[in-house]
C-alpha atoms as a PDB file:
ATOM      1  CA  MET A   1      63.087 -44.428 192.764  1.00  0.00           C
ATOM      2  CA  LEU A   2      60.209 -42.946 190.825  1.00  0.00           C
ATOM      3  CA  VAL A   3      60.934 -42.715 187.086  1.00  0.00           C
ATOM      4  CA  LEU A   4      58.876 -40.339 184.945  1.00  0.00           C
ATOM      5  CA  ALA A   5      58.923 -39.355 181.293  1.00  0.00           C
ATOM      6  CA  ARG A   6      58.276 -35.674 180.576  1.00  0.00           C
ATOM      7  CA  LYS A   7      58.457 -33.583 177.418  1.00  0.00           C
ATOM      8  CA  LYS A   8      59.608 -29.989 177.070  1.00  0.00           C
ATOM      9  CA  ASP A   9      57.392 -27.578 179.041  1.00  0.00           C
ATOM     10  CA  GLU A  10      55.887 -30.413 181.084  1.00  0.00           C
ATOM     11  CA  SER A  11      56.436 -30.551 184.828  1.00  0.00           C
ATOM     12  CA  ILE A  12      56.153 -32.622 187.967  1.00  0.00           C
ATOM     13  CA  MET A  13      55.099 -31.533 191.432  1.00  0.00           C
ATOM     14  CA  ILE A  14      56.954 -32.442 194.627  1.00  0.00           C
ATOM     15  CA  GLY A  15      54.565 -31.925 197.480  1.00  0.00           C
ATOM     16  CA  ASP A  16      52.323 -28.875 197.224  1.00  0.00           C
ATOM     17  CA  ASN A  17      54.928 -26.201 196.620  1.00  0.00           C
ATOM     18  CA  ILE A  18      57.817 -27.490 194.467  1.00  0.00           C
ATOM     19  CA  GLU A  19      57.431 -27.697 190.702  1.00  0.00           C
ATOM     20  CA  VAL A  20      60.137 -29.098 188.415  1.00  0.00           C
ATOM     21  CA  VAL A  21      59.721 -27.990 184.785  1.00  0.00           C
ATOM     22  CA  VAL A  22      61.532 -29.410 181.737  1.00  0.00           C
ATOM     23  CA  LEU A  23      62.804 -26.275 179.991  1.00  0.00           C
ATOM     24  CA  GLY A  24      64.696 -27.922 177.171  1.00  0.00           C
ATOM     25  CA  ILE A  25      66.377 -31.048 175.872  1.00  0.00           C
ATOM     26  CA  ASP A  26      69.601 -30.890 173.854  1.00  0.00           C
ATOM     27  CA  GLY A  27      71.106 -34.310 173.124  1.00  0.00           C
ATOM     28  CA  ASP A  28      71.811 -35.947 176.475  1.00  0.00           C
ATOM     29  CA  MET A  29      71.470 -32.660 178.395  1.00  0.00           C
ATOM     30  CA  VAL A  30      68.173 -31.725 180.046  1.00  0.00           C
ATOM     31  CA  ARG A  31      67.530 -28.197 181.360  1.00  0.00           C
ATOM     32  CA  LEU A  32      65.262 -28.104 184.391  1.00  0.00           C
ATOM     33  CA  GLY A  33      63.590 -25.206 186.124  1.00  0.00           C
ATOM     34  CA  ILE A  34      62.627 -25.481 189.777  1.00  0.00           C
ATOM     35  CA  LYS A  35      59.841 -23.344 191.209  1.00  0.00           C
ATOM     36  CA  ALA A  36      59.934 -23.270 195.005  1.00  0.00           C
ATOM     37  CA  SER A  37      59.650 -20.720 197.770  1.00  0.00           C
ATOM     38  CA  ARG A  38      62.885 -18.926 198.667  1.00  0.00           C
ATOM     39  CA  ASP A  39      63.117 -20.676 202.035  1.00  0.00           C
ATOM     40  CA  ILE A  40      63.713 -24.025 200.278  1.00  0.00           C
ATOM     41  CA  GLN A  41      67.377 -24.553 199.465  1.00  0.00           C
ATOM     42  CA  VAL A  42      68.089 -26.195 196.110  1.00  0.00           C
ATOM     43  CA  TYR A  43      71.613 -27.396 195.239  1.00  0.00           C
ATOM     44  CA  ARG A  44      73.238 -29.554 192.594  1.00  0.00           C
ATOM     45  CA  LYS A  45      74.131 -32.878 194.208  1.00  0.00           C
ATOM     46  CA  GLU A  46      77.907 -32.330 194.041  1.00  0.00           C
ATOM     47  CA  ILE A  47      77.559 -28.916 195.716  1.00  0.00           C
ATOM     48  CA  TYR A  48      75.307 -30.389 198.406  1.00  0.00           C
ATOM     49  CA  ALA A  49      77.870 -33.138 199.096  1.00  0.00           C
ATOM     50  CA  SER A  50      80.647 -30.526 199.373  1.00  0.00           C
ATOM     51  CA  ILE A  51      78.625 -28.430 201.836  1.00  0.00           C
ATOM     52  CA  LYS A  52      77.787 -31.515 203.890  1.00  0.00           C
ATOM     53  CA  GLN A  53      81.453 -32.574 204.050  1.00  0.00           C
ATOM     54  CA  ALA A  54      82.582 -29.067 205.061  1.00  0.00           C
ATOM     55  CA  ASN A  55      79.962 -28.978 207.824  1.00  0.00           C
ATOM     56  CA  GLN A  56      81.076 -32.384 209.121  1.00  0.00           C
ATOM     57  CA  GLU A  57      84.726 -31.290 209.139  1.00  0.00           C
ATOM     58  CA  ALA A  58      83.871 -28.052 210.934  1.00  0.00           C
ATOM     59  CA  SER A  59      81.847 -29.859 213.587  1.00  0.00           C
ATOM     60  CA  THR A  60      84.681 -32.261 214.425  1.00  0.00           C
ATOM     61  CA  SER A  61      87.654 -29.902 214.303  1.00  0.00           C
ATOM     62  CA  SER A  62      89.172 -28.725 217.559  1.00  0.00           C
ATOM     63  CA  ILE A  63      89.609 -25.052 218.338  1.00  0.00           C
ATOM     64  CA  ASN A  64      92.846 -23.661 219.727  1.00  0.00           C
ATOM     65  CA  ILE A  65      91.363 -20.993 222.005  1.00  0.00           C
ATOM     66  CA  HIS A  66      94.732 -19.270 222.505  1.00  0.00           C
ATOM     67  CA  ALA A  67      95.284 -18.933 218.752  1.00  0.00           C
ATOM     68  CA  LEU A  68      91.720 -17.661 218.333  1.00  0.00           C
ATOM     69  CA  ASN A  69      92.183 -15.058 221.071  1.00  0.00           C
ATOM     70  CA  GLU A  70      95.464 -13.966 219.491  1.00  0.00           C
ATOM     71  CA  LEU A  71      93.756 -13.617 216.137  1.00  0.00           C
ATOM     72  CA  LEU A  72      91.025 -11.492 217.750  1.00  0.00           C
ATOM     73  CA  GLY A  73      93.608  -9.398 219.591  1.00  0.00           C
ATOM     74  CA  LYS A  74      92.519 -10.481 223.082  1.00  0.00           C
ATOM     75  CA  PRO A  75      94.989 -10.891 225.941  1.00  0.00           C
ATOM     76  CA  LYS A  76      96.126 -14.475 226.610  1.00  0.00           C
ATOM     77  CA  ASN A  77      94.523 -14.602 230.070  1.00  0.00           C
ATOM     78  CA  GLN A  78      90.986 -14.454 228.643  1.00  0.00           C
END
């Protein structure tokens, strides 16, 4: 792990196109700004973990094709 000390309005670069800026410090809370192109997804770690878990559950769940067809209003023989 790389550990850096930064003051308010200072930043770090990740690669050539991601900049993390210290916007403010209030007690033990640090506000960060992240400048990156829109095609780069940025999530809080707990949100990322939730998305990853939901994707894993979706990829391993079985599909009841008859129930799906009924939901879509298709005849049972399809």
